[in-house]
Amino acid sequence: MGTATICAPRRTHRERSQPLARAKLGMLEKHKDYVLRAKDFHKKEDAIKTLKEKAAFRNPDEFYFGMINSETKKGVHVVKRRNEKFDHEFLTLLKTQDQNYVAYQRSVNLKKIDRLKEGIHYVDEDNDEEQSGVDQKDGDDHEDDDDDEMSMGGSDDGNASSRKSGSKEAKRVNRPSHIVFVDDEEQALNFDPVAHFETVPELVNKPAMRLRKSTLETQEIPVIRGKDAETIERQRLAQARELESRLDREAKLRAVELELKMQKNLMGKGARKKVGSDSKGLAVYKWKTRRQK
């Protein structure tokens, strides 16, 4: 009898909805909603009661030295910052730590950029040319970094060369290239990549999917359509957006690192003067040469 009672279908109890005459008041409050509202009300009520007790038993003559450097503004407790003076060595150490942290974040970002560049395969040649242009631009930026470091750097011995950072920057992964060796200059001038790779002109610049003509004629190439094509395109666009944001972050981190290097060099010894600004808007200083003993 007990098993039959358990297995018997049970009636589904539906909650009563708000009557049409009271629809303007919103949803009908259930017991669980009332419990949450009551708990919140009593919690606030207890907090107010506690504050009233503290105010009633407060000692007007109470004093501690933390009151000297603190005050209340519009009900918010604000602690005044003490004007502590740090020595020069400690400030230089802080600049070095900041510079090392930015260099570490930049190396992590560069590795993610290289991973994204290796994972994205562009379908048309325009995107390939755009990607190669981005790589060339990155290389030019690295050369500009070296020039900026040399122009604004300053060392203790007065030279205008910059001091190298303690952390090594991540090496960039170059794009893969295919080198073809020929016998003479005439073959190099008459070289036809389509005939050499035995492929079609549309796939010459795409090493990842460069198929031979025999493969294209004998095998059936699967065509991605429908939802799969939309999913792949959506993933490709997401990777492209992430790559763009990573490149923007790299530019900002590079500017911050150069700024920290300049601030650290300005804290060093030697007479210098500002001679202008570079392409990134950073000030360029020139240190006075000093004869070494």
Protein backbone atom coordinates (compact mmCIF):
# COMPACT_ATOMS: atom_id res chain seq x y z
CA MET A 1 0.00 0.00 0.00
CA GLY A 2 2.83 2.32 0.83
CA THR A 3 4.57 1.77 -2.52
CA ALA A 4 1.34 2.39 -4.41
CA THR A 5 0.86 5.65 -2.52
CA ILE A 6 4.36 6.82 -3.36
CA CYS A 7 4.11 5.92 -7.07
CA ALA A 8 0.65 7.45 -7.47
CA PRO A 9 0.56 10.71 -9.41
CA ARG A 10 0.46 13.75 -7.22
CA ARG A 11 -1.46 16.89 -7.80
CA THR A 12 0.50 19.93 -8.90
CA HIS A 13 -0.31 22.88 -6.66
CA ARG A 14 -0.20 26.12 -8.59
CA GLU A 15 0.44 29.47 -6.93
CA ARG A 16 -2.33 32.01 -7.01
CA SER A 17 -1.62 34.94 -9.32
CA GLN A 18 -2.47 38.58 -8.84
CA PRO A 19 -6.16 39.34 -9.46
CA LEU A 20 -6.92 41.44 -12.53
CA ALA A 21 -8.33 44.22 -10.36
CA ARG A 22 -4.94 44.54 -8.59
CA ALA A 23 -2.73 43.99 -11.65
CA LYS A 24 -1.49 47.60 -11.45
CA LEU A 25 0.22 46.76 -8.12
CA GLY A 26 2.55 44.26 -9.75
CA MET A 27 3.15 40.60 -8.97
CA LEU A 28 1.43 39.04 -5.98
CA GLU A 29 3.87 38.66 -3.08
CA LYS A 30 4.38 35.06 -1.92
CA HIS A 31 5.49 33.88 1.51
CA LYS A 32 9.11 33.41 0.42
CA ASP A 33 9.18 37.01 -0.82
CA TYR A 34 7.80 38.21 2.51
CA VAL A 35 10.48 36.26 4.40
CA LEU A 36 13.29 37.94 2.43
CA ARG A 37 11.75 41.38 2.88
CA ALA A 38 11.26 40.81 6.63
CA LYS A 39 14.85 39.63 7.12
CA ASP A 40 16.19 42.69 5.31
CA PHE A 41 13.97 45.01 7.37
CA HIS A 42 15.00 43.51 10.71
CA LYS A 43 18.67 43.59 9.70
CA LYS A 44 18.48 47.31 9.03
CA GLU A 45 16.48 47.83 12.19
CA ASP A 46 19.13 46.07 14.29
CA ALA A 47 21.88 48.12 12.66
CA ILE A 48 20.11 51.38 13.49
CA LYS A 49 19.54 50.18 17.06
CA THR A 50 23.24 49.37 17.47
CA LEU A 51 24.27 52.78 16.17
CA LYS A 52 21.87 54.51 18.55
CA GLU A 53 23.36 52.58 21.49
CA LYS A 54 26.90 53.56 20.45
CA ALA A 55 25.86 57.19 20.16
CA ALA A 56 24.17 57.10 23.58
CA PHE A 57 27.18 55.59 25.36
CA ARG A 58 29.77 57.66 23.49
CA ASN A 59 32.38 59.39 25.63
CA PRO A 60 32.70 63.04 24.53
CA ASP A 61 36.21 63.22 26.05
CA GLU A 62 37.47 60.18 24.14
CA PHE A 63 40.68 60.83 22.24
CA TYR A 64 43.27 58.83 20.39
CA PHE A 65 46.07 60.04 18.13
CA GLY A 66 44.42 58.67 14.99
CA MET A 67 41.91 61.53 15.25
CA ILE A 68 44.64 64.01 14.32
CA ASN A 69 45.02 62.67 10.77
CA SER A 70 41.37 61.74 10.16
CA GLU A 71 38.09 63.53 9.72
CA THR A 72 34.54 62.96 8.57
CA LYS A 73 33.29 64.52 5.34
CA LYS A 74 29.57 64.17 4.64
CA GLY A 75 29.37 61.10 6.85
CA VAL A 76 32.40 59.40 5.24
CA HIS A 77 35.50 58.71 7.33
CA VAL A 78 38.55 60.10 5.55
CA VAL A 79 42.14 59.52 6.68
CA LYS A 80 44.59 62.25 5.78
CA ARG A 81 47.70 61.11 4.01
CA ARG A 82 50.86 61.80 5.88
CA ASN A 83 53.55 63.71 4.03
CA GLU A 84 56.20 61.06 4.47
CA LYS A 85 59.50 61.75 2.79
CA PHE A 86 61.23 58.71 1.31
CA ASP A 87 64.91 58.58 0.49
CA HIS A 88 66.18 58.57 -3.09
CA GLU A 89 67.19 54.91 -3.08
CA PHE A 90 63.72 53.78 -2.00
CA LEU A 91 62.03 55.83 -4.73
CA THR A 92 64.42 54.40 -7.33
CA LEU A 93 63.58 50.90 -6.13
CA LEU A 94 59.85 51.62 -6.53
CA LYS A 95 60.42 52.83 -10.10
CA THR A 96 62.39 49.69 -10.87
CA GLN A 97 59.63 47.45 -9.51
CA ASP A 98 57.00 49.30 -11.53
CA GLN A 99 59.14 49.01 -14.65
CA ASN A 100 59.69 45.28 -14.14
CA TYR A 101 55.96 44.70 -13.63
CA VAL A 102 55.09 46.55 -16.83
CA ALA A 103 57.79 44.61 -18.72
CA TYR A 104 56.35 41.33 -17.41
CA GLN A 105 52.82 42.27 -18.45
CA ARG A 106 54.13 43.29 -21.86
CA SER A 107 55.93 39.97 -22.36
CA VAL A 108 52.74 38.07 -21.44
CA ASN A 109 50.76 40.19 -23.89
CA LEU A 110 53.31 39.61 -26.67
CA LYS A 111 53.08 35.85 -26.22
CA LYS A 112 49.29 36.01 -26.51
CA ILE A 113 49.61 38.17 -29.64
CA ASP A 114 51.95 35.63 -31.25
CA ARG A 115 49.59 32.79 -30.32
CA LEU A 116 46.64 34.64 -31.88
CA LYS A 117 48.60 35.40 -35.05
CA GLU A 118 49.54 31.74 -35.41
CA GLY A 119 45.94 30.60 -34.89
CA ILE A 120 44.19 32.96 -37.27
CA HIS A 121 44.06 31.83 -40.91
CA TYR A 122 42.83 34.43 -43.32
CA VAL A 123 40.78 33.30 -46.28
CA ASP A 124 41.39 36.09 -48.76
CA GLU A 125 44.62 37.71 -49.88
CA ASP A 126 43.61 41.14 -48.62
CA ASN A 127 43.65 39.91 -45.04
CA ASP A 128 47.02 38.25 -45.62
CA GLU A 129 48.49 41.51 -46.85
CA GLU A 130 46.92 43.36 -43.93
CA GLN A 131 48.39 40.86 -41.48
CA SER A 132 51.85 41.20 -43.03
CA GLY A 133 51.49 44.97 -42.76
CA VAL A 134 50.71 44.62 -39.06
CA ASP A 135 53.84 42.50 -38.58
CA GLN A 136 55.96 45.04 -40.41
CA LYS A 137 54.45 47.83 -38.31
CA ASP A 138 55.26 45.94 -35.12
CA GLY A 139 58.85 45.56 -36.24
CA ASP A 140 59.08 49.28 -36.96
CA ASP A 141 57.63 50.02 -33.53
CA HIS A 142 60.31 47.91 -31.89
CA GLU A 143 62.96 49.84 -33.76
CA ASP A 144 61.32 53.08 -32.62
CA ASP A 145 61.43 51.78 -29.05
CA ASP A 146 65.18 51.32 -29.28
CA ASP A 147 65.58 54.81 -30.72
CA ASP A 148 63.38 56.30 -27.98
CA GLU A 149 65.32 54.51 -25.27
CA MET A 150 68.60 55.78 -26.69
CA SER A 151 67.31 59.34 -27.06
CA MET A 152 65.75 59.80 -23.63
CA GLY A 153 67.96 57.48 -21.58
CA GLY A 154 70.51 58.69 -19.08
CA SER A 155 73.01 56.87 -16.89
CA ASP A 156 75.09 57.82 -13.90
CA ASP A 157 78.23 58.34 -15.99
CA GLY A 158 76.52 61.02 -18.10
CA ASN A 159 76.23 59.12 -21.38
CA ALA A 160 73.06 59.42 -23.44
CA SER A 161 72.70 55.65 -23.80
CA SER A 162 69.89 54.04 -21.83
CA ARG A 163 70.26 51.34 -19.23
CA LYS A 164 68.79 47.99 -20.17
CA SER A 165 65.92 46.66 -18.16
CA GLY A 166 66.49 43.63 -15.94
CA SER A 167 63.67 41.65 -17.50
CA LYS A 168 64.05 40.30 -21.05
CA GLU A 169 61.30 41.02 -23.54
CA ALA A 170 59.64 38.11 -25.25
CA LYS A 171 61.01 37.29 -28.69
CA ARG A 172 58.61 37.71 -31.55
CA VAL A 173 57.83 34.71 -33.68
CA ASN A 174 58.45 35.51 -37.35
CA ARG A 175 55.91 34.45 -39.92
CA PRO A 176 56.81 31.21 -41.74
CA SER A 177 58.46 31.58 -45.13
CA HIS A 178 59.24 29.13 -47.92
CA ILE A 179 62.68 29.45 -49.54
CA VAL A 180 63.14 27.94 -53.00
CA PHE A 181 66.67 27.45 -54.34
CA VAL A 182 67.40 27.76 -58.07
CA ASP A 183 70.50 27.16 -60.16
CA ASP A 184 71.02 30.53 -61.81
CA GLU A 185 69.64 34.05 -62.06
CA GLU A 186 67.62 33.28 -65.17
CA GLN A 187 65.59 30.64 -63.33
CA ALA A 188 65.04 33.10 -60.49
CA LEU A 189 63.64 35.72 -62.89
CA ASN A 190 61.40 33.18 -64.66
CA PHE A 191 60.31 31.42 -61.47
CA ASP A 192 56.59 30.57 -61.41
CA PRO A 193 55.30 29.64 -57.91
CA VAL A 194 52.07 28.19 -59.33
CA ALA A 195 53.94 25.69 -61.49
CA HIS A 196 56.50 24.95 -58.80
CA PHE A 197 53.95 24.10 -56.10
CA GLU A 198 51.54 22.51 -58.61
CA THR A 199 48.58 24.42 -57.24
CA VAL A 200 46.14 27.10 -58.28
CA PRO A 201 46.95 30.82 -58.10
CA GLU A 202 44.36 31.37 -55.36
CA LEU A 203 46.23 29.09 -52.92
CA VAL A 204 49.84 30.14 -53.59
CA ASN A 205 50.01 32.61 -50.67
CA LYS A 206 48.23 30.24 -48.26
CA PRO A 207 50.69 27.62 -46.98
CA ALA A 208 48.16 26.24 -44.48
CA MET A 209 45.76 25.11 -47.22
CA ARG A 210 47.95 24.92 -50.35
CA LEU A 211 46.66 21.82 -52.14
CA ARG A 212 48.02 20.32 -55.35
CA LYS A 213 45.97 20.25 -58.52
CA SER A 214 45.92 16.44 -58.46
CA THR A 215 44.38 16.53 -54.98
CA LEU A 216 41.80 19.08 -56.05
CA GLU A 217 40.85 16.93 -59.07
CA THR A 218 40.68 13.54 -57.37
CA GLN A 219 39.41 14.26 -53.88
CA GLU A 220 36.19 15.94 -52.87
CA ILE A 221 36.78 19.06 -50.85
CA PRO A 222 34.23 19.39 -48.03
CA VAL A 223 32.30 22.63 -48.01
CA ILE A 224 31.33 24.13 -44.68
CA ARG A 225 27.86 25.60 -44.76
CA GLY A 226 25.03 26.58 -42.51
CA LYS A 227 25.53 26.87 -38.77
CA ASP A 228 29.09 25.47 -38.89
CA ALA A 229 30.19 28.23 -41.25
CA GLU A 230 28.53 30.86 -39.08
CA THR A 231 30.21 29.44 -35.97
CA ILE A 232 33.65 29.44 -37.61
CA GLU A 233 33.17 32.97 -38.92
CA ARG A 234 32.03 34.16 -35.48
CA GLN A 235 35.09 32.58 -33.84
CA ARG A 236 37.40 34.12 -36.44
CA LEU A 237 35.91 37.57 -35.88
CA ALA A 238 36.25 37.14 -32.11
CA GLN A 239 39.93 36.24 -32.49
CA ALA A 240 40.46 39.22 -34.79
CA ARG A 241 38.86 41.56 -32.25
CA GLU A 242 40.98 40.10 -29.46
CA LEU A 243 44.11 40.50 -31.57
CA GLU A 244 43.24 44.13 -32.24
CA SER A 245 42.69 44.81 -28.55
CA ARG A 246 45.95 43.04 -27.68
CA LEU A 247 47.86 45.19 -30.17
CA ASP A 248 46.30 48.31 -28.66
CA ARG A 249 47.27 47.12 -25.18
CA GLU A 250 50.81 46.47 -26.42
CA ALA A 251 51.10 50.06 -27.68
CA LYS A 252 49.88 51.45 -24.34
CA LEU A 253 52.19 49.21 -22.29
CA ARG A 254 55.13 50.19 -24.49
CA ALA A 255 54.41 53.88 -23.89
CA VAL A 256 54.11 53.30 -20.12
CA GLU A 257 57.39 51.38 -20.05
CA LEU A 258 59.21 54.14 -21.91
CA GLU A 259 57.72 56.72 -19.54
CA LEU A 260 58.93 54.77 -16.49
CA LYS A 261 62.39 54.42 -17.99
CA MET A 262 62.54 58.14 -18.58
CA GLN A 263 61.41 58.92 -15.01
CA LYS A 264 64.02 56.54 -13.62
CA ASN A 265 66.76 58.06 -15.75
CA LEU A 266 65.76 61.57 -14.67
CA MET A 267 66.23 60.50 -11.05
CA GLY A 268 69.86 59.70 -11.80
CA LYS A 269 72.88 61.96 -11.75
CA GLY A 270 74.14 64.25 -14.46
CA ALA A 271 73.11 67.54 -16.04
CA ARG A 272 70.53 67.28 -18.78
CA LYS A 273 68.16 69.42 -20.79
CA LYS A 274 65.01 68.80 -22.75
CA VAL A 275 65.61 68.89 -26.49
CA GLY A 276 62.09 68.07 -27.74
CA SER A 277 59.64 65.20 -27.96
CA ASP A 278 59.43 62.01 -29.98
CA SER A 279 56.65 60.66 -32.22
CA LYS A 280 54.82 59.18 -29.20
CA GLY A 281 54.71 62.53 -27.37
CA LEU A 282 57.36 61.58 -24.79
CA ALA A 283 59.95 64.15 -23.81
CA VAL A 284 63.50 63.68 -25.10
CA TYR A 285 66.39 64.69 -22.85
CA LYS A 286 70.07 65.05 -23.62
CA TRP A 287 72.66 64.43 -20.91
CA LYS A 288 75.84 66.44 -20.72
CA THR A 289 78.91 64.36 -21.46
CA ARG A 290 81.28 64.00 -18.53
CA ARG A 291 84.91 63.01 -18.65
CA GLN A 292 85.54 59.69 -16.90
CA LYS A 293 88.58 59.16 -14.71
